[in-house]
Amino acid sequence: MNITQATAERFIELCAEKGITINKLATLSGVTQSTVSDIVNMKSKNIGIVTIKKLCDGLDITISDFFDTKVFRTLEQEMY
């Protein structure tokens, strides 16, 4: 799994836990629906940390909470 996949899956997982849709997350976070859709559909390869922070704010979690999962702790280094 790469960082793009892990990020997409984490946002999908958190939305399910909070009982909200991806579109609702966009509204709550002030991020455009197209941007959020591109993230969860893995069309965005370089998601900015500011965008991730806004989405975390919309989910009412810290950025530390977002990344504090086994998936992120065990990601391999990516070479481009």
N, C-alpha and C. Protein backbone atom coordinates (compact mmCIF):
# COMPACT_ATOMS: atom_id res chain seq x y z
N MET A 1 0.85 -1.18 0.00
CA MET A 1 0.00 0.00 0.00
C MET A 1 0.90 1.24 0.00
N ASN A 2 0.49 2.25 -0.76
CA ASN A 2 1.27 3.49 -0.77
C ASN A 2 0.54 4.58 0.02
N ILE A 3 1.16 5.73 0.13
CA ILE A 3 0.61 6.83 0.94
C ILE A 3 -0.72 7.34 0.38
N THR A 4 -0.85 7.35 -0.94
CA THR A 4 -2.09 7.81 -1.56
C THR A 4 -3.24 6.87 -1.20
N GLN A 5 -3.01 5.58 -1.29
CA GLN A 5 -4.03 4.60 -0.94
C GLN A 5 -4.37 4.67 0.55
N ALA A 6 -3.35 4.77 1.38
CA ALA A 6 -3.57 4.82 2.83
C ALA A 6 -4.38 6.05 3.22
N THR A 7 -4.08 7.18 2.60
CA THR A 7 -4.80 8.41 2.91
C THR A 7 -6.26 8.30 2.48
N ALA A 8 -6.48 7.81 1.28
CA ALA A 8 -7.86 7.64 0.79
C ALA A 8 -8.65 6.71 1.70
N GLU A 9 -8.07 5.57 2.03
CA GLU A 9 -8.76 4.60 2.88
C GLU A 9 -9.04 5.17 4.27
N ARG A 10 -8.10 5.95 4.79
CA ARG A 10 -8.30 6.53 6.13
C ARG A 10 -9.46 7.51 6.14
N PHE A 11 -9.57 8.37 5.11
CA PHE A 11 -10.69 9.30 5.07
C PHE A 11 -12.02 8.57 4.89
N ILE A 12 -12.04 7.53 4.08
CA ILE A 12 -13.26 6.74 3.90
C ILE A 12 -13.65 6.08 5.23
N GLU A 13 -12.67 5.51 5.91
CA GLU A 13 -12.90 4.86 7.21
C GLU A 13 -13.45 5.86 8.24
N LEU A 14 -12.84 7.04 8.32
CA LEU A 14 -13.27 8.04 9.29
C LEU A 14 -14.67 8.56 8.99
N CYS A 15 -14.98 8.75 7.71
CA CYS A 15 -16.33 9.18 7.35
C CYS A 15 -17.36 8.13 7.77
N ALA A 16 -17.04 6.87 7.55
CA ALA A 16 -17.94 5.79 7.95
C ALA A 16 -18.13 5.79 9.47
N GLU A 17 -17.04 5.96 10.22
CA GLU A 17 -17.12 6.00 11.68
C GLU A 17 -17.99 7.15 12.16
N LYS A 18 -17.88 8.30 11.49
CA LYS A 18 -18.63 9.50 11.89
C LYS A 18 -20.04 9.52 11.30
N GLY A 19 -20.33 8.58 10.40
CA GLY A 19 -21.65 8.51 9.78
C GLY A 19 -21.91 9.66 8.82
N ILE A 20 -20.86 10.10 8.12
CA ILE A 20 -21.03 11.19 7.16
C ILE A 20 -20.54 10.74 5.78
N THR A 21 -21.03 11.43 4.77
CA THR A 21 -20.59 11.14 3.41
C THR A 21 -19.33 11.95 3.09
N ILE A 22 -18.71 11.59 2.01
CA ILE A 22 -17.55 12.34 1.53
C ILE A 22 -17.97 13.78 1.21
N ASN A 23 -19.15 13.95 0.63
CA ASN A 23 -19.64 15.29 0.31
C ASN A 23 -19.87 16.11 1.58
N LYS A 24 -20.37 15.48 2.62
CA LYS A 24 -20.57 16.17 3.90
C LYS A 24 -19.22 16.58 4.48
N LEU A 25 -18.22 15.72 4.36
CA LEU A 25 -16.88 16.06 4.84
C LEU A 25 -16.37 17.30 4.12
N ALA A 26 -16.59 17.37 2.82
CA ALA A 26 -16.16 18.55 2.06
C ALA A 26 -16.82 19.81 2.62
N THR A 27 -18.10 19.74 2.87
CA THR A 27 -18.83 20.89 3.41
C THR A 27 -18.31 21.27 4.79
N LEU A 28 -18.13 20.29 5.66
CA LEU A 28 -17.67 20.56 7.03
C LEU A 28 -16.25 21.14 7.07
N SER A 29 -15.44 20.76 6.10
CA SER A 29 -14.03 21.15 6.14
C SER A 29 -13.71 22.37 5.28
N GLY A 30 -14.64 22.76 4.42
CA GLY A 30 -14.37 23.90 3.54
C GLY A 30 -13.44 23.56 2.40
N VAL A 31 -13.36 22.28 2.07
CA VAL A 31 -12.56 21.80 0.94
C VAL A 31 -13.56 21.45 -0.17
N THR A 32 -13.22 21.78 -1.41
CA THR A 32 -14.15 21.52 -2.50
C THR A 32 -14.46 20.03 -2.62
N GLN A 33 -15.68 19.75 -3.04
CA GLN A 33 -16.10 18.36 -3.21
C GLN A 33 -15.22 17.64 -4.23
N SER A 34 -14.81 18.35 -5.26
CA SER A 34 -13.96 17.70 -6.28
C SER A 34 -12.60 17.31 -5.69
N THR A 35 -12.07 18.14 -4.81
CA THR A 35 -10.79 17.82 -4.18
C THR A 35 -10.93 16.59 -3.29
N VAL A 36 -11.96 16.55 -2.48
CA VAL A 36 -12.17 15.40 -1.59
C VAL A 36 -12.43 14.15 -2.42
N SER A 37 -13.21 14.27 -3.46
CA SER A 37 -13.47 13.14 -4.34
C SER A 37 -12.18 12.63 -4.99
N ASP A 38 -11.34 13.56 -5.44
CA ASP A 38 -10.06 13.16 -6.03
C ASP A 38 -9.17 12.44 -5.02
N ILE A 39 -9.22 12.86 -3.76
CA ILE A 39 -8.42 12.21 -2.72
C ILE A 39 -8.90 10.78 -2.49
N VAL A 40 -10.20 10.61 -2.27
CA VAL A 40 -10.70 9.27 -1.94
C VAL A 40 -10.71 8.34 -3.14
N ASN A 41 -10.71 8.91 -4.35
CA ASN A 41 -10.64 8.08 -5.56
C ASN A 41 -9.20 7.93 -6.07
N MET A 42 -8.26 8.40 -5.26
CA MET A 42 -6.82 8.27 -5.50
C MET A 42 -6.38 8.92 -6.82
N LYS A 43 -7.05 9.99 -7.20
CA LYS A 43 -6.64 10.76 -8.37
C LYS A 43 -5.62 11.82 -8.00
N SER A 44 -5.60 12.22 -6.73
CA SER A 44 -4.62 13.19 -6.24
C SER A 44 -3.44 12.42 -5.68
N LYS A 45 -2.27 12.65 -6.21
CA LYS A 45 -1.09 11.93 -5.77
C LYS A 45 -0.31 12.71 -4.71
N ASN A 46 -0.42 14.03 -4.72
CA ASN A 46 0.31 14.86 -3.76
C ASN A 46 -0.68 15.73 -2.99
N ILE A 47 -1.24 15.16 -1.97
CA ILE A 47 -2.23 15.88 -1.17
C ILE A 47 -1.48 16.78 -0.19
N GLY A 48 -1.81 18.04 -0.20
CA GLY A 48 -1.14 18.98 0.68
C GLY A 48 -1.51 18.77 2.14
N ILE A 49 -0.57 19.04 3.00
CA ILE A 49 -0.81 18.87 4.44
C ILE A 49 -1.87 19.85 4.94
N VAL A 50 -1.97 21.02 4.31
CA VAL A 50 -3.01 21.99 4.69
C VAL A 50 -4.38 21.40 4.39
N THR A 51 -4.52 20.73 3.26
CA THR A 51 -5.80 20.08 2.92
C THR A 51 -6.12 18.97 3.90
N ILE A 52 -5.14 18.16 4.22
CA ILE A 52 -5.37 17.09 5.21
C ILE A 52 -5.79 17.68 6.55
N LYS A 53 -5.15 18.77 6.95
CA LYS A 53 -5.51 19.43 8.23
C LYS A 53 -6.94 19.94 8.19
N LYS A 54 -7.35 20.56 7.09
CA LYS A 54 -8.73 21.04 6.97
C LYS A 54 -9.72 19.89 7.06
N LEU A 55 -9.41 18.78 6.40
CA LEU A 55 -10.29 17.61 6.45
C LEU A 55 -10.35 17.03 7.86
N CYS A 56 -9.22 17.02 8.54
CA CYS A 56 -9.21 16.56 9.94
C CYS A 56 -10.06 17.47 10.81
N ASP A 57 -9.96 18.77 10.59
CA ASP A 57 -10.80 19.72 11.33
C ASP A 57 -12.28 19.43 11.08
N GLY A 58 -12.63 19.15 9.83
CA GLY A 58 -14.01 18.81 9.50
C GLY A 58 -14.48 17.53 10.18
N LEU A 59 -13.55 16.62 10.42
CA LEU A 59 -13.86 15.37 11.12
C LEU A 59 -13.77 15.51 12.63
N ASP A 60 -13.32 16.68 13.07
CA ASP A 60 -13.14 16.96 14.50
C ASP A 60 -12.11 16.02 15.14
N ILE A 61 -11.02 15.82 14.41
CA ILE A 61 -9.90 15.04 14.93
C ILE A 61 -8.61 15.83 14.71
N THR A 62 -7.57 15.43 15.41
CA THR A 62 -6.27 16.07 15.19
C THR A 62 -5.57 15.39 14.03
N ILE A 63 -4.61 16.09 13.49
CA ILE A 63 -3.82 15.49 12.41
C ILE A 63 -3.03 14.29 12.94
N SER A 64 -2.65 14.35 14.22
CA SER A 64 -1.97 13.21 14.85
C SER A 64 -2.88 12.00 14.89
N ASP A 65 -4.17 12.21 15.21
CA ASP A 65 -5.13 11.11 15.22
C ASP A 65 -5.27 10.50 13.83
N PHE A 66 -5.24 11.34 12.82
CA PHE A 66 -5.38 10.85 11.45
C PHE A 66 -4.27 9.87 11.10
N PHE A 67 -3.04 10.25 11.41
CA PHE A 67 -1.89 9.44 11.01
C PHE A 67 -1.52 8.34 12.02
N ASP A 68 -2.15 8.32 13.18
CA ASP A 68 -1.79 7.36 14.21
C ASP A 68 -2.51 6.02 14.00
N THR A 69 -2.11 5.34 12.92
CA THR A 69 -2.66 4.03 12.61
C THR A 69 -1.52 3.10 12.20
N LYS A 70 -1.77 1.83 12.28
CA LYS A 70 -0.76 0.85 11.90
C LYS A 70 -0.35 1.03 10.44
N VAL A 71 -1.31 1.31 9.59
CA VAL A 71 -1.01 1.47 8.16
C VAL A 71 0.04 2.54 7.94
N PHE A 72 -0.13 3.70 8.57
CA PHE A 72 0.83 4.78 8.37
C PHE A 72 2.17 4.49 9.06
N ARG A 73 2.13 3.78 10.18
CA ARG A 73 3.38 3.46 10.87
C ARG A 73 4.23 2.46 10.10
N THR A 74 3.60 1.67 9.23
CA THR A 74 4.34 0.61 8.55
C THR A 74 4.52 0.85 7.05
N LEU A 75 4.21 2.03 6.58
CA LEU A 75 4.39 2.32 5.16
C LEU A 75 5.87 2.24 4.77
N GLU A 76 6.11 1.66 3.64
CA GLU A 76 7.47 1.60 3.09
C GLU A 76 7.82 2.95 2.51
N GLN A 77 9.10 3.26 2.45
CA GLN A 77 9.55 4.49 1.80
C GLN A 77 9.23 4.39 0.30
N GLU A 78 8.68 5.47 -0.24
CA GLU A 78 8.34 5.48 -1.66
C GLU A 78 9.44 6.18 -2.44
N MET A 79 9.80 5.59 -3.54
CA MET A 79 10.82 6.18 -4.42
C MET A 79 10.13 6.60 -5.71
N TYR A 80 10.33 7.84 -6.09
CA TYR A 80 9.68 8.34 -7.32
C TYR A 80 10.69 8.60 -8.37
